[in-house]
Amino acid sequence: MEDTIVAIDVGTTKVCTLVAEPSDEGELRIVGVGLAPSKGLRKGVVLDVEQATRAIAESVRKAERASGYAIDSAHVGISGSHISGLNSKGIAAISRGERIIVQDDINRAMEAARAIAIPPNRELLHAIPRRYAVDEQDGVRNPLGLRGFRLEVEAHIVVGASTSIHNLVECVRAAGVSVQHLIVQAIAAGEAVLTEPERDLGVALIDIGGGTTDMAVFIDGSVWHTVVLPVGGNHLTQDIAVGLRTPFTVAENLKVQYGHAIPDSIAPDELIDATSFGDSSHRSVSRAKLSEIIRARAEEMLELTMREIKRSGYDGLLPAGVVLCGGTSQLAGIKDLARETIGLPVRIGSPRGLEGLVESVRDPAHACSVGLLLWALRYTPDARRNGTGGRLGVLHRLRQLVGVLSPG
C-alpha cells in the first residue's frame, strides 16, 4: 500500500477533497482533487446535516475517481465564529539528577498548559506551544536537551462549540469517511502560504472565504492569536444583489467577472451586462456602481479585521504585514484596499511546494485545502502511513497493473 494523505476542506461555498502522496523530501504530490458546491452550511457551520453530507460525499467521490484511491479517513478543516483562541502557561519541574530536559518534561508542561477551565459546551481543538522558558532564559523555541530546574511553556489554546464540532464530524462520517484530525482553517492555510521569515517576524493571515473570514497571527514562528469573523465574500454578493436588484447567482457572476474594490480605477461610463437567465430583456448596469458597492462592504470587512488585530494587542508586532488568501482575496483591487485600510504591507498568498495535479489548487482559494495536507505531513506522527486516508482502489490497482505489463 502506498502512502497517502487526504484532506477535506468543508467551506460555506465549496467542499474540496485532496489526495496527496508525500515524498521522502517532504514534498506533496497531488494525485486527486474533488470539488463540489457546498450545501447545508452557513458561515462555516452545519445547519442541514443531510445536504452537507451529500456535498461532502460528492467531493470525496470525485477525488476517489481522480486518484484511484478509496478514501476511508481524512484530515478535516473547521471554521465558524464559535472558534476562539486564548493563551495559557504550563510549568514542569526537572527533578532528575542531570536535569536534562527530555520529551516527557515538554509533554508535562504542555499538559499543565492545557489544564484550563473550558465550559462544558466547548471542546479543545489545538494546544500549540508558542515559546518556552528554561529557568531564567526566555524565548527558547526547542528546550529538548537543555539543562535546567524549571521548564515553562506559553501555549495557544483553540476551542470551539461542541455541537458545531460534532455536527461537522457526523457529516463527514455519514459520507463514509472517518475524521483523523480537525484543524482550524486559518492555522492550516498558514502552512500553505506563509514563509518561515514571515512567521518569525510577525504576520497576520486573513483567509476570506465565502461565509467567514478566518484570522491567525503568527509571531516567533508560532500561532499567537486566532479568531473567525462571520463575514465573507457572500456578503459582497448579497450587497450587489440588493444594490443592483439582480438575483444572487447573477450578482456572484458580476462580482467574479467585473468586480473591483477600487472604484477610481473604473471608467465612469463603462457598462456591463446584468441580464438574468431567462430574462428576455437586455439590462446593463454601471461597472463603477458595482465597484462602489463592493468597496463599501469590503472596506467594512477589512476594518473588522484591523479591529481584531488591535484587540489582540499584537498590531505593533507585525513587520511582515498581512497575507490575504481565500477566494475573495482574488477580487481585483482587494490588495490595494487592504493596504490602505489596514495600514500594513499586504500580499496575496497562494499554495507553494506542490507537484502533480496542481493547476486546480494553485490559487489562493485553495490555501486551506493544501494547508490541511501540509499540517498533517508536518505535525502528525502517523501521516506517512496510518494517518493516510487512501486504500488502493480498483482503478489505481488497474493502473499499476497496466504500468507493469506495458513495455518500457
Protein backbone atom coordinates (compact mmCIF):
# COMPACT_ATOMS: atom_id res chain seq x y z
CA MET A 1 0.00 0.00 0.00
CA GLU A 2 1.29 3.44 -0.93
CA ASP A 3 1.38 6.36 1.47
CA THR A 4 -1.32 8.96 1.03
CA ILE A 5 -2.71 11.91 2.95
CA VAL A 6 -6.30 13.04 2.46
CA ALA A 7 -7.72 16.46 3.37
CA ILE A 8 -11.32 17.68 3.27
CA ASP A 9 -11.96 21.42 3.38
CA VAL A 10 -15.65 21.91 4.18
CA GLY A 11 -16.38 25.55 3.38
CA THR A 12 -19.52 27.63 3.08
CA THR A 13 -19.37 27.79 -0.73
CA LYS A 14 -17.36 24.70 -1.71
CA VAL A 15 -16.13 21.35 -0.44
CA CYS A 16 -12.64 20.39 -1.59
CA THR A 17 -11.13 16.93 -1.09
CA LEU A 18 -7.43 16.47 -1.88
CA VAL A 19 -5.43 13.25 -2.04
CA ALA A 20 -1.64 13.56 -1.92
CA GLU A 21 1.38 11.29 -1.84
CA PRO A 22 4.26 12.61 0.29
CA SER A 23 7.82 12.25 -0.99
CA ASP A 24 10.94 11.44 1.00
CA GLU A 25 11.97 15.10 0.62
CA GLY A 26 8.84 16.29 2.42
CA GLU A 27 7.06 17.47 -0.73
CA LEU A 28 3.48 16.65 -1.65
CA ARG A 29 2.29 15.26 -4.97
CA ILE A 30 -1.40 15.92 -5.54
CA VAL A 31 -2.95 12.83 -7.13
CA GLY A 32 -6.65 13.53 -6.66
CA VAL A 33 -8.90 16.61 -6.46
CA GLY A 34 -12.62 16.60 -5.76
CA LEU A 35 -14.60 19.85 -5.83
CA ALA A 36 -18.32 20.13 -5.09
CA PRO A 37 -20.66 23.05 -4.30
CA SER A 38 -21.20 23.29 -0.55
CA LYS A 39 -24.72 22.95 0.79
CA GLY A 40 -26.21 22.92 4.25
CA LEU A 41 -23.64 25.30 5.78
CA ARG A 42 -23.92 28.94 6.76
CA LYS A 43 -20.98 30.99 7.96
CA GLY A 44 -18.90 27.84 8.27
CA VAL A 45 -21.40 25.98 10.48
CA VAL A 46 -23.53 22.97 9.54
CA LEU A 47 -27.25 23.79 9.51
CA ASP A 48 -28.55 20.92 7.39
CA VAL A 49 -26.83 17.57 8.03
CA GLU A 50 -28.35 15.79 5.04
CA GLN A 51 -27.36 18.44 2.50
CA ALA A 52 -23.87 18.88 3.96
CA THR A 53 -23.31 15.11 3.94
CA ARG A 54 -24.29 14.87 0.27
CA ALA A 55 -21.91 17.70 -0.67
CA ILE A 56 -19.03 16.07 1.21
CA ALA A 57 -19.78 12.67 -0.32
CA GLU A 58 -19.81 14.16 -3.83
CA SER A 59 -16.44 15.82 -3.26
CA VAL A 60 -14.96 12.59 -1.88
CA ARG A 61 -16.28 10.53 -4.81
CA LYS A 62 -14.71 12.91 -7.31
CA ALA A 63 -11.34 12.72 -5.50
CA GLU A 64 -11.56 8.94 -5.44
CA ARG A 65 -12.22 8.77 -9.18
CA ALA A 66 -9.34 11.14 -9.93
CA SER A 67 -6.81 9.40 -7.67
CA GLY A 68 -7.86 5.75 -7.87
CA TYR A 69 -7.81 5.53 -4.07
CA ALA A 70 -10.72 4.51 -1.87
CA ILE A 71 -10.88 7.21 0.82
CA ASP A 72 -11.73 6.00 4.30
CA SER A 73 -10.22 8.68 6.58
CA ALA A 74 -9.13 12.31 6.28
CA HIS A 75 -7.88 15.45 7.98
CA VAL A 76 -10.75 17.95 8.07
CA GLY A 77 -10.75 21.74 8.30
CA ILE A 78 -13.14 23.51 10.65
CA SER A 79 -14.33 27.12 10.74
CA GLY A 80 -17.13 29.21 12.21
CA SER A 81 -17.43 32.15 14.59
CA HIS A 82 -17.74 29.69 17.51
CA ILE A 83 -13.97 29.15 17.30
CA SER A 84 -11.84 31.23 19.66
CA GLY A 85 -8.31 31.22 20.99
CA LEU A 86 -6.68 32.02 24.33
CA ASN A 87 -3.18 31.81 25.72
CA SER A 88 -2.12 29.71 28.70
CA LYS A 89 1.04 28.81 30.65
CA GLY A 90 2.26 25.48 31.94
CA ILE A 91 5.18 24.60 34.23
CA ALA A 92 7.12 21.37 34.77
CA ALA A 93 9.88 20.78 37.33
CA ILE A 94 13.02 18.99 36.11
CA SER A 95 13.92 16.71 39.01
CA ARG A 96 16.28 14.10 37.54
CA GLY A 97 19.93 14.11 38.55
CA GLU A 98 21.45 15.61 35.40
CA ARG A 99 18.39 17.86 34.91
CA ILE A 100 18.44 17.48 31.14
CA ILE A 101 15.07 18.24 29.56
CA VAL A 102 13.54 15.29 27.70
CA GLN A 103 10.31 14.95 25.71
CA ASP A 104 8.40 13.79 28.77
CA ASP A 105 9.16 17.12 30.51
CA ILE A 106 7.85 19.05 27.49
CA ASN A 107 4.72 16.90 27.47
CA ARG A 108 4.12 17.57 31.18
CA ALA A 109 4.48 21.32 30.68
CA MET A 110 2.04 21.25 27.76
CA GLU A 111 -0.38 19.13 29.79
CA ALA A 112 -0.31 21.77 32.50
CA ALA A 113 -0.99 24.50 29.91
CA ARG A 114 -3.97 22.52 28.61
CA ALA A 115 -5.43 22.15 32.11
CA ILE A 116 -7.61 25.25 31.89
CA ALA A 117 -11.28 25.61 32.66
CA ILE A 118 -13.22 25.05 29.44
CA PRO A 119 -17.03 25.42 29.57
CA PRO A 120 -18.90 22.13 29.13
CA ASN A 121 -20.34 23.26 25.79
CA ARG A 122 -16.87 23.82 24.27
CA GLU A 123 -14.04 21.49 23.27
CA LEU A 124 -10.30 21.85 22.75
CA LEU A 125 -9.17 21.78 19.10
CA HIS A 126 -5.49 22.78 19.35
CA ALA A 127 -2.85 23.32 22.02
CA ILE A 128 0.14 24.87 20.26
CA PRO A 129 3.36 25.85 22.08
CA ARG A 130 4.28 29.50 21.45
CA ARG A 131 7.62 29.55 23.23
CA TYR A 132 9.43 28.10 26.22
CA ALA A 133 11.47 29.38 29.15
CA VAL A 134 14.12 27.36 30.98
CA ASP A 135 14.91 28.80 34.42
CA GLU A 136 15.75 32.47 33.69
CA GLN A 137 16.20 32.01 29.95
CA ASP A 138 13.16 33.21 27.99
CA GLY A 139 12.38 32.86 24.27
CA VAL A 140 13.51 29.23 23.94
CA ARG A 141 11.98 27.56 20.87
CA ASN A 142 13.10 23.98 21.48
CA PRO A 143 14.10 23.11 25.05
CA LEU A 144 14.90 19.47 24.27
CA GLY A 145 18.37 18.60 25.60
CA LEU A 146 18.84 21.80 27.61
CA ARG A 147 19.71 21.68 31.33
CA GLY A 148 17.52 23.36 33.90
CA PHE A 149 15.41 23.11 37.03
CA ARG A 150 12.15 24.53 35.68
CA LEU A 151 10.53 24.40 32.25
CA GLU A 152 7.77 26.85 31.41
CA VAL A 153 5.70 26.91 28.21
CA GLU A 154 3.39 29.53 26.76
CA ALA A 155 0.72 27.81 24.67
CA HIS A 156 -2.05 28.98 22.35
CA ILE A 157 -5.27 27.09 23.06
CA VAL A 158 -8.02 26.96 20.41
CA VAL A 159 -11.52 25.84 21.38
CA GLY A 160 -14.85 25.51 19.58
CA ALA A 161 -18.51 24.82 20.28
CA SER A 162 -19.14 21.11 20.93
CA THR A 163 -22.35 21.00 18.89
CA SER A 164 -20.74 22.59 15.81
CA ILE A 165 -17.73 20.29 16.06
CA HIS A 166 -19.80 17.12 16.38
CA ASN A 167 -22.22 18.12 13.63
CA LEU A 168 -19.32 18.51 11.20
CA VAL A 169 -17.74 15.21 12.29
CA GLU A 170 -21.06 13.39 11.87
CA CYS A 171 -21.50 14.78 8.35
CA VAL A 172 -18.04 13.54 7.32
CA ARG A 173 -18.69 10.14 8.92
CA ALA A 174 -22.08 9.87 7.20
CA ALA A 175 -20.23 10.43 3.92
CA GLY A 176 -18.22 7.28 4.69
CA VAL A 177 -15.02 8.94 5.94
CA SER A 178 -13.60 8.88 9.46
CA VAL A 179 -12.04 12.08 10.85
CA GLN A 180 -8.41 11.74 11.89
CA HIS A 181 -7.86 15.34 12.96
CA LEU A 182 -9.83 18.57 12.96
CA ILE A 183 -7.66 21.56 12.05
CA VAL A 184 -8.75 25.17 12.32
CA GLN A 185 -8.76 26.54 8.79
CA ALA A 186 -6.67 29.66 9.43
CA ILE A 187 -3.92 27.58 11.02
CA ALA A 188 -4.00 25.18 8.06
CA ALA A 189 -3.91 28.00 5.49
CA GLY A 190 -0.83 29.43 7.21
CA GLU A 191 1.04 26.21 6.46
CA ALA A 192 0.39 26.64 2.74
CA VAL A 193 1.00 30.34 2.10
CA LEU A 194 3.29 31.78 4.79
CA THR A 195 7.06 31.78 4.54
CA GLU A 196 9.27 30.98 7.51
CA PRO A 197 10.68 34.55 7.71
CA GLU A 198 7.13 35.96 7.82
CA ARG A 199 6.13 33.63 10.65
CA ASP A 200 9.30 34.57 12.56
CA LEU A 201 8.98 38.34 12.08
CA GLY A 202 5.25 38.57 12.78
CA VAL A 203 2.43 38.32 10.26
CA ALA A 204 -1.37 38.24 10.20
CA LEU A 205 -3.01 35.70 7.93
CA ILE A 206 -6.50 36.66 6.73
CA ASP A 207 -8.39 33.92 4.88
CA ILE A 208 -11.51 35.49 3.34
CA GLY A 209 -13.88 32.72 2.35
CA GLY A 210 -17.48 32.74 1.26
CA GLY A 211 -19.13 32.81 4.68
CA THR A 212 -16.32 33.59 7.14
CA THR A 213 -13.03 35.41 7.47
CA ASP A 214 -10.52 33.24 9.34
CA MET A 215 -7.62 35.03 11.00
CA ALA A 216 -4.42 33.92 12.68
CA VAL A 217 -1.48 35.95 13.98
CA PHE A 218 1.94 34.28 13.76
CA ILE A 219 4.91 35.60 15.78
CA ASP A 220 8.25 33.96 16.54
CA GLY A 221 7.33 31.06 14.28
CA SER A 222 4.11 30.08 16.05
CA VAL A 223 0.41 30.96 16.35
CA TRP A 224 -0.33 33.64 18.94
CA HIS A 225 -3.93 34.55 18.14
CA THR A 226 -6.85 33.02 16.21
CA VAL A 227 -10.38 34.23 15.50
CA VAL A 228 -13.14 33.64 12.96
CA LEU A 229 -15.32 36.55 11.85
CA PRO A 230 -18.82 35.77 10.47
CA VAL A 231 -18.37 37.81 7.28
CA GLY A 232 -17.10 36.79 3.84
CA GLY A 233 -17.45 37.02 0.11
CA ASN A 234 -21.14 36.05 0.17
CA HIS A 235 -21.85 39.34 1.94
CA LEU A 236 -20.35 41.20 -1.02
CA THR A 237 -22.57 39.21 -3.36
CA GLN A 238 -25.67 39.88 -1.25
CA ASP A 239 -24.99 43.62 -1.30
CA ILE A 240 -24.59 43.52 -5.09
CA ALA A 241 -27.86 41.60 -5.45
CA VAL A 242 -29.71 44.20 -3.37
CA GLY A 243 -27.96 47.25 -4.81
CA LEU A 244 -28.36 46.25 -8.46
CA ARG A 245 -31.70 44.44 -7.99
CA THR A 246 -30.44 41.23 -9.50
CA PRO A 247 -30.59 37.53 -8.46
CA PHE A 248 -27.84 36.20 -6.18
CA THR A 249 -26.36 33.97 -8.91
CA VAL A 250 -26.12 36.89 -11.34
CA ALA A 251 -24.62 39.07 -8.61
CA GLU A 252 -21.98 36.40 -7.94
CA ASN A 253 -21.06 36.28 -11.64
CA LEU A 254 -20.82 40.07 -11.79
CA LYS A 255 -18.55 40.09 -8.74
CA VAL A 256 -16.23 37.44 -10.17
CA GLN A 257 -16.09 38.76 -13.75
CA TYR A 258 -16.26 42.54 -13.29
CA GLY A 259 -15.80 43.23 -9.59
CA HIS A 260 -13.15 45.70 -8.42
CA ALA A 261 -12.51 47.07 -4.93
CA ILE A 262 -11.18 50.45 -6.17
CA PRO A 263 -13.95 52.46 -7.93
CA ASP A 264 -11.48 55.16 -9.08
CA SER A 265 -9.84 52.61 -11.38
CA ILE A 266 -13.08 52.08 -13.32
CA ALA A 267 -14.19 54.34 -16.17
CA PRO A 268 -17.40 56.10 -15.06
CA ASP A 269 -19.17 55.37 -18.36
CA GLU A 270 -18.31 51.64 -18.53
CA LEU A 271 -21.40 49.41 -18.67
CA ILE A 272 -21.69 45.65 -18.05
CA ASP A 273 -24.39 43.11 -18.85
CA ALA A 274 -26.55 42.16 -15.86
CA THR A 275 -29.23 40.21 -17.73
CA SER A 276 -30.66 37.33 -15.68
CA PHE A 277 -31.00 33.82 -17.09
CA GLY A 278 -34.38 33.52 -18.75
CA ASP A 279 -34.87 37.30 -18.89
CA SER A 280 -35.87 38.34 -22.42
CA SER A 281 -34.89 42.00 -21.97
CA HIS A 282 -31.25 43.11 -22.06
CA ARG A 283 -30.12 45.01 -18.95
CA SER A 284 -26.89 46.98 -18.44
CA VAL A 285 -25.50 48.45 -15.23
CA SER A 286 -22.63 50.74 -14.40
CA ARG A 287 -19.43 48.91 -13.52
CA ALA A 288 -18.40 51.89 -11.38
CA LYS A 289 -21.57 51.44 -9.29
CA LEU A 290 -20.77 47.74 -8.90
CA SER A 291 -17.30 48.70 -7.70
CA GLU A 292 -18.70 51.23 -5.20
CA ILE A 293 -20.96 48.58 -3.69
CA ILE A 294 -18.05 46.14 -3.41
CA ARG A 295 -15.72 48.72 -1.87
CA ALA A 296 -18.19 49.72 0.84
CA ARG A 297 -18.63 46.15 2.12
CA ALA A 298 -15.01 45.08 1.55
CA GLU A 299 -13.76 48.12 3.45
CA GLU A 300 -16.08 47.29 6.35
CA MET A 301 -14.79 43.69 6.42
CA LEU A 302 -11.17 44.82 6.40
CA GLU A 303 -11.84 47.33 9.17
CA LEU A 304 -13.27 44.48 11.25
CA THR A 305 -10.05 42.50 10.75
CA MET A 306 -7.95 45.52 11.74
CA ARG A 307 -10.00 45.99 14.91
CA GLU A 308 -9.47 42.33 15.74
CA ILE A 309 -5.72 42.65 15.22
CA LYS A 310 -5.65 45.67 17.53
CA ARG A 311 -7.82 43.87 20.09
CA SER A 312 -5.27 41.06 20.18
CA GLY A 313 -2.61 43.56 21.22
CA TYR A 314 -0.17 42.36 18.54
CA ASP A 315 -0.72 45.11 15.96
CA GLY A 316 2.72 46.56 16.72
CA LEU A 317 4.43 43.17 16.27
CA LEU A 318 3.65 42.53 12.59
CA PRO A 319 6.54 43.87 10.48
CA ALA A 320 5.77 41.25 7.80
CA GLY A 321 2.29 42.74 7.49
CA VAL A 322 -0.74 40.83 6.24
CA VAL A 323 -1.12 37.88 3.88
CA LEU A 324 -4.54 37.53 2.24
CA CYS A 325 -5.86 34.21 0.93
CA GLY A 326 -9.21 32.57 0.30
CA GLY A 327 -11.49 33.00 -2.69
CA THR A 328 -12.33 36.65 -2.01
CA SER A 329 -8.63 37.58 -1.98
CA GLN A 330 -8.72 37.10 -5.77
CA LEU A 331 -11.05 40.09 -6.14
CA ALA A 332 -9.37 42.77 -8.23
CA GLY A 333 -8.12 45.70 -6.13
CA ILE A 334 -8.57 43.95 -2.77
CA LYS A 335 -4.83 44.04 -2.01
CA ASP A 336 -4.62 47.80 -2.52
CA LEU A 337 -7.77 48.38 -0.48
CA ALA A 338 -6.41 46.20 2.33
CA ARG A 339 -3.10 48.08 2.36
CA GLU A 340 -4.99 51.37 2.51
CA THR A 341 -7.44 50.23 5.22
CA ILE A 342 -5.16 48.18 7.48
CA GLY A 343 -2.04 50.29 7.08
CA LEU A 344 0.38 47.35 6.83
CA PRO A 345 2.22 45.65 3.96
CA VAL A 346 -0.14 43.26 2.15
CA ARG A 347 0.41 40.40 -0.28
CA ILE A 348 -1.82 37.68 -1.74
CA GLY A 349 -0.79 34.17 -0.64
CA SER A 350 -1.01 31.10 -2.90
CA PRO A 351 -0.10 27.49 -2.01
CA ARG A 352 3.53 26.59 -2.67
CA GLY A 353 5.73 23.50 -2.94
CA LEU A 354 3.33 21.15 -4.73
CA GLU A 355 3.66 18.61 -7.51
CA GLY A 356 1.19 16.61 -9.55
CA LEU A 357 -2.35 17.90 -10.22
CA VAL A 358 -1.60 21.41 -9.01
CA GLU A 359 -3.27 23.59 -11.64
CA SER A 360 -6.69 23.33 -9.98
CA VAL A 361 -5.41 24.08 -6.46
CA ARG A 362 -2.68 26.65 -7.10
CA ASP A 363 -4.82 29.72 -6.43
CA PRO A 364 -5.45 31.42 -3.03
CA ALA A 365 -8.94 29.89 -2.79
CA HIS A 366 -7.33 26.51 -2.01
CA ALA A 367 -4.87 27.71 0.64
CA CYS A 368 -6.76 25.90 3.40
CA SER A 369 -7.19 22.65 1.42
CA VAL A 370 -3.47 22.42 0.68
CA GLY A 371 -2.60 23.60 4.18
CA LEU A 372 -4.53 20.70 5.71
CA LEU A 373 -2.28 18.29 3.82
CA LEU A 374 0.87 20.13 4.90
CA TRP A 375 -0.28 20.31 8.52
CA ALA A 376 -0.87 16.57 8.55
CA LEU A 377 2.51 15.89 6.94
CA ARG A 378 4.43 18.08 9.37
CA TYR A 379 2.69 17.61 12.70
CA THR A 380 1.09 14.16 12.83
CA PRO A 381 3.42 11.24 13.55
CA ASP A 382 1.20 8.86 11.57
CA ALA A 383 0.95 11.00 8.44
CA ARG A 384 3.30 8.83 6.38
CA ARG A 385 1.33 5.64 6.98
CA ASN A 386 -1.54 5.27 9.44
CA GLY A 387 -2.55 8.89 9.04
CA THR A 388 -3.39 8.27 5.44
CA GLY A 389 -6.88 8.12 4.07
CA GLY A 390 -6.31 6.14 0.90
CA ARG A 391 -6.68 2.44 0.36
CA LEU A 392 -5.67 1.42 -3.13
CA GLY A 393 -8.88 1.38 -5.12
CA VAL A 394 -9.67 -0.89 -8.05
CA LEU A 395 -8.89 1.86 -10.57
CA HIS A 396 -5.48 2.58 -9.02
CA ARG A 397 -4.58 -1.13 -8.87
CA LEU A 398 -5.57 -1.47 -12.53
CA ARG A 399 -3.34 1.50 -13.42
CA GLN A 400 -0.44 -0.14 -11.58
CA LEU A 401 -1.03 -3.44 -13.39
CA VAL A 402 -1.09 -1.70 -16.77
CA GLY A 403 2.15 0.03 -15.83
CA VAL A 404 3.78 -3.34 -15.03
CA LEU A 405 2.55 -5.03 -18.21
CA SER A 406 3.36 -2.12 -20.53
CA PRO A 407 6.74 -2.29 -22.29
CA GLY A 408 9.29 0.20 -21.03
